[in-house]
Protein backbone atom coordinates (compact mmCIF):
# COMPACT_ATOMS: atom_id res chain seq x y z
CA UNK A 1 108.31 106.15 64.76
CA UNK A 2 110.00 107.70 61.75
CA UNK A 3 107.50 109.35 59.35
CA UNK A 4 108.72 107.33 56.35
CA UNK A 5 108.45 104.04 58.24
CA UNK A 6 104.96 104.96 59.43
CA UNK A 7 103.91 105.91 55.90
CA UNK A 8 105.09 102.56 54.50
CA UNK A 9 103.45 100.73 57.41
CA UNK A 10 100.16 102.47 56.64
CA UNK A 11 100.45 101.74 52.91
CA UNK A 12 101.08 98.03 53.49
CA UNK A 13 98.34 97.76 56.11
CA UNK A 14 95.81 99.45 53.81
CA UNK A 15 96.87 97.18 50.93
CA UNK A 16 96.38 94.10 53.10
CA UNK A 17 92.99 95.34 54.35
CA UNK A 18 91.79 96.00 50.79
CA UNK A 19 93.07 92.67 49.47
CA UNK A 20 95.60 94.31 47.14
CA UNK A 21 98.49 92.86 49.18
CA UNK A 22 98.86 89.51 50.83
CA UNK A 23 99.14 89.28 54.59
CA UNK A 24 102.76 89.79 55.62
CA UNK A 25 104.71 90.70 58.74
CA UNK A 26 104.35 94.43 58.17
CA UNK A 27 107.18 95.52 60.46
CA UNK A 28 109.64 93.21 58.68
CA UNK A 29 108.25 94.14 55.24
CA UNK A 30 108.84 97.84 55.91
CA UNK A 31 112.46 97.21 56.88
CA UNK A 32 112.93 94.91 53.87
CA UNK A 33 111.56 97.74 51.70
CA UNK A 34 113.89 100.38 53.19
CA UNK A 35 117.13 98.43 53.71
CA UNK A 36 118.20 98.21 50.05
CA UNK A 37 117.56 101.94 49.64
CA UNK A 38 119.82 102.72 52.58
CA UNK A 39 122.46 100.36 51.20
CA UNK A 40 122.28 102.08 47.79
CA UNK A 41 122.94 105.45 49.43
CA UNK A 42 125.87 104.09 51.43
CA UNK A 43 127.26 102.32 48.37
CA UNK A 44 127.01 105.40 46.15
CA UNK A 45 128.53 107.85 48.61
CA UNK A 46 131.01 105.72 50.59
CA UNK A 47 131.96 102.40 49.04
CA UNK A 48 131.80 102.94 45.29
CA UNK A 49 134.25 105.88 45.23
CA UNK A 50 136.85 103.58 46.83
CA UNK A 51 136.27 100.69 44.42
CA UNK A 52 137.42 101.42 40.88
CA UNK A 53 135.47 99.36 38.39
CA UNK A 54 132.58 98.73 40.80
CA UNK A 55 129.16 98.70 39.12
CA UNK A 56 127.41 102.05 38.90
CA UNK A 57 123.70 101.37 38.64
CA UNK A 58 121.79 104.64 38.25
CA UNK A 59 119.48 105.42 41.18
CA UNK A 60 116.40 105.57 38.94
CA UNK A 61 117.08 102.08 37.56
CA UNK A 62 117.76 100.71 41.05
CA UNK A 63 114.58 102.26 42.49
CA UNK A 64 112.44 100.97 39.63
CA UNK A 65 113.74 97.42 39.98
CA UNK A 66 113.44 97.51 43.78
CA UNK A 67 109.84 98.75 43.69
CA UNK A 68 108.99 96.06 41.13
CA UNK A 69 110.42 93.37 43.43
CA UNK A 70 108.54 94.73 46.45
CA UNK A 71 105.23 94.90 44.60
CA UNK A 72 105.67 91.36 43.21
CA UNK A 73 106.32 90.06 46.72
CA UNK A 74 103.25 91.78 48.15
CA UNK A 75 100.99 90.57 45.35
CA UNK A 76 98.34 88.13 46.58
CA UNK A 77 99.03 84.51 45.66
CA UNK A 78 102.81 84.76 46.01
CA UNK A 79 103.92 82.25 48.65
CA UNK A 80 105.57 83.67 51.77
CA UNK A 81 107.90 81.91 54.16
């Protein structure tokens, strides 16, 4: 397994075990966590340069909002599908 995927898997599993996170499908949660980050990199370096006028959201702002969404979704008491 990739080190970053294993690290996120361990973080989520520890959070679930300690009650800080709700029980989720950890494998899917890890990919849901990483996918937007990969898309942001592809967008910034491949798509955006070819699309004049496309939004340019700074990486720091994107990462902050993404982490906030992830943490809200993992918070106990938030309904899951």
